[in-house]
Amino acid sequence: MCDYSLHSVASRPARVGDKLVTTKFAYSITRGFAAIGEPKVAICLLPGTEIAFEEEAERRNFFSRLLSAPWYGKVSGKVARFRQINLDNPLTHHDALEFADGKIVLLTGLRPGQRATVLQLPIKQPAATAPQELSPLLT
């Protein structure tokens, strides 16, 4: 899924092995993932998609030299699972990554320029099949 604020940006679904980079998209108020070599195309992840960063992931770090705060700097981990949060509020960003230690970081909070690889997509659940009708028993 791509966040509501990326609806005006060209997009495509993620594929296993995609090489991604965190990006601020032109004419958008948000950040997300683009495939390396496709900087103007948002890569949409399904909830449950697992990615691995090349280096330890970092939040955007505008004030890091002046302040030390938990919402700035490195996140403890390279591997994360995509999820959506705050779905009850349609006017906020929903796209986030959950790291192994339980920390959840909105994609818009990631430092631009970080590289990651799509490790695996979520398993698709098979469609439920209707029970077959039984033929009437002959007596």
Protein backbone atom coordinates (compact mmCIF):
# COMPACT_ATOMS: atom_id res chain seq x y z
CA MET A 1 0.00 0.00 0.00
CA CYS A 2 1.11 3.54 -0.50
CA ASP A 3 0.16 6.26 1.94
CA TYR A 4 -2.66 8.64 1.03
CA SER A 5 -0.19 11.46 0.40
CA LEU A 6 1.43 9.48 -2.44
CA HIS A 7 -1.72 9.14 -4.53
CA SER A 8 -0.46 11.84 -6.89
CA VAL A 9 2.85 9.97 -7.46
CA ALA A 10 3.33 7.14 -9.97
CA SER A 11 3.60 3.86 -8.10
CA ARG A 12 4.02 0.12 -8.44
CA PRO A 13 3.95 -2.83 -6.04
CA ALA A 14 7.15 -4.09 -4.45
CA ARG A 15 8.82 -7.27 -5.71
CA VAL A 16 11.19 -9.58 -3.86
CA GLY A 17 14.75 -8.41 -4.48
CA ASP A 18 13.82 -4.79 -5.25
CA LYS A 19 16.60 -2.42 -4.26
CA LEU A 20 14.96 0.57 -2.58
CA VAL A 21 15.99 4.00 -1.41
CA THR A 22 14.15 6.26 1.04
CA THR A 23 13.01 9.28 -0.95
CA LYS A 24 11.21 12.60 -0.64
CA PHE A 25 8.91 12.69 -3.66
CA ALA A 26 8.44 15.89 -5.66
CA TYR A 27 5.05 17.58 -5.24
CA SER A 28 4.31 15.45 -2.19
CA ILE A 29 4.40 16.12 1.54
CA THR A 30 5.80 12.71 2.39
CA ARG A 31 8.68 10.31 2.07
CA GLY A 32 8.57 6.72 0.99
CA PHE A 33 10.50 4.14 -0.99
CA ALA A 34 11.56 4.38 -4.62
CA ALA A 35 13.39 1.68 -6.53
CA ILE A 36 16.99 2.52 -7.30
CA GLY A 37 16.89 3.74 -10.89
CA GLU A 38 13.19 4.73 -10.64
CA PRO A 39 13.35 7.88 -8.47
CA LYS A 40 9.93 9.20 -9.48
CA VAL A 41 8.02 5.95 -8.82
CA ALA A 42 6.80 5.12 -5.30
CA ILE A 43 7.22 1.47 -4.39
CA CYS A 44 4.17 0.30 -2.45
CA LEU A 45 4.66 -2.34 0.21
CA LEU A 46 1.96 -4.65 1.50
CA PRO A 47 1.60 -5.06 5.27
CA GLY A 48 3.94 -7.88 6.31
CA THR A 49 6.60 -7.15 3.66
CA GLU A 50 10.08 -7.58 5.14
CA ILE A 51 12.98 -5.36 4.15
CA ALA A 52 16.65 -5.15 5.12
CA PHE A 53 18.59 -1.89 5.19
CA GLU A 54 22.22 -1.85 4.08
CA GLU A 55 23.16 0.05 7.26
CA GLU A 56 21.34 0.49 10.54
CA ALA A 57 18.20 2.48 9.73
CA GLU A 58 18.09 6.16 10.71
CA ARG A 59 15.33 8.59 11.41
CA ARG A 60 15.65 11.99 9.76
CA ASN A 61 18.17 13.86 11.75
CA PHE A 62 17.75 17.59 11.22
CA PHE A 63 18.77 18.64 14.74
CA SER A 64 21.14 15.80 15.64
CA ARG A 65 24.13 18.09 16.12
CA LEU A 66 22.19 20.31 18.51
CA LEU A 67 19.88 17.93 20.37
CA SER A 68 19.84 14.33 21.40
CA ALA A 69 16.32 12.94 21.39
CA PRO A 70 14.82 9.46 20.92
CA TRP A 71 13.09 10.42 17.67
CA TYR A 72 16.38 11.43 16.00
CA GLY A 73 19.20 9.21 14.80
CA LYS A 74 19.71 5.49 14.44
CA VAL A 75 17.03 2.88 14.94
CA SER A 76 18.35 -0.30 16.50
CA GLY A 77 18.15 -2.60 13.54
CA LYS A 78 18.56 -3.28 9.86
CA VAL A 79 15.58 -5.59 9.27
CA ALA A 80 11.99 -4.36 9.50
CA ARG A 81 8.47 -5.39 8.62
CA PHE A 82 6.14 -2.97 6.88
CA ARG A 83 2.84 -2.23 8.58
CA GLN A 84 0.17 0.43 8.70
CA ILE A 85 -0.75 2.32 11.85
CA ASN A 86 -3.39 4.87 12.88
CA LEU A 87 -5.88 3.49 10.38
CA ASP A 88 -8.73 5.03 12.37
CA ASN A 89 -7.43 8.50 11.44
CA PRO A 90 -7.67 9.09 7.67
CA LEU A 91 -5.80 12.42 7.85
CA THR A 92 -2.46 11.11 9.07
CA HIS A 93 0.36 9.03 7.64
CA HIS A 94 -0.12 5.28 8.00
CA ASP A 95 2.95 3.67 6.41
CA ALA A 96 5.44 2.49 9.01
CA LEU A 97 8.19 -0.02 9.68
CA GLU A 98 8.36 -2.21 12.77
CA PHE A 99 11.83 -3.27 13.85
CA ALA A 100 12.79 -6.41 15.81
CA ASP A 101 12.93 -4.51 19.11
CA GLY A 102 9.31 -3.39 18.64
CA LYS A 103 10.09 0.19 17.62
CA ILE A 104 7.73 1.56 14.99
CA VAL A 105 8.92 4.35 12.69
CA LEU A 106 6.76 6.13 10.14
CA LEU A 107 8.27 6.06 6.64
CA THR A 108 7.99 9.85 6.59
CA GLY A 109 10.33 9.89 9.59
CA LEU A 110 13.18 8.07 7.86
CA ARG A 111 16.27 9.91 6.65
CA PRO A 112 16.27 10.17 2.84
CA GLY A 113 18.92 8.26 0.91
CA GLN A 114 18.93 5.01 2.89
CA ARG A 115 19.11 1.83 0.86
CA ALA A 116 17.17 -1.34 1.54
CA THR A 117 16.25 -4.62 -0.18
CA VAL A 118 12.85 -6.32 -0.21
CA LEU A 119 13.45 -9.70 1.44
CA GLN A 120 10.01 -11.23 1.29
CA LEU A 121 6.41 -10.36 0.56
CA PRO A 122 3.56 -11.42 2.81
CA ILE A 123 1.95 -14.77 2.15
CA LYS A 124 -1.28 -14.40 0.26
CA GLN A 125 -4.14 -16.17 1.96
CA PRO A 126 -6.04 -18.51 -0.36
CA ALA A 127 -9.56 -17.37 -1.11
CA ALA A 128 -12.15 -19.17 0.92
CA THR A 129 -14.06 -21.60 -1.20
CA ALA A 130 -17.74 -22.15 -0.83
CA PRO A 131 -18.68 -25.60 0.42
CA GLN A 132 -19.77 -27.87 -2.35
CA GLU A 133 -23.43 -28.67 -2.44
CA LEU A 134 -24.21 -32.23 -1.61
CA SER A 135 -26.40 -34.06 -4.03
CA PRO A 136 -29.61 -35.34 -2.46
CA LEU A 137 -29.38 -38.91 -1.34
CA LEU A 138 -31.47 -41.35 -3.29
CA THR A 139 -33.64 -43.58 -1.16
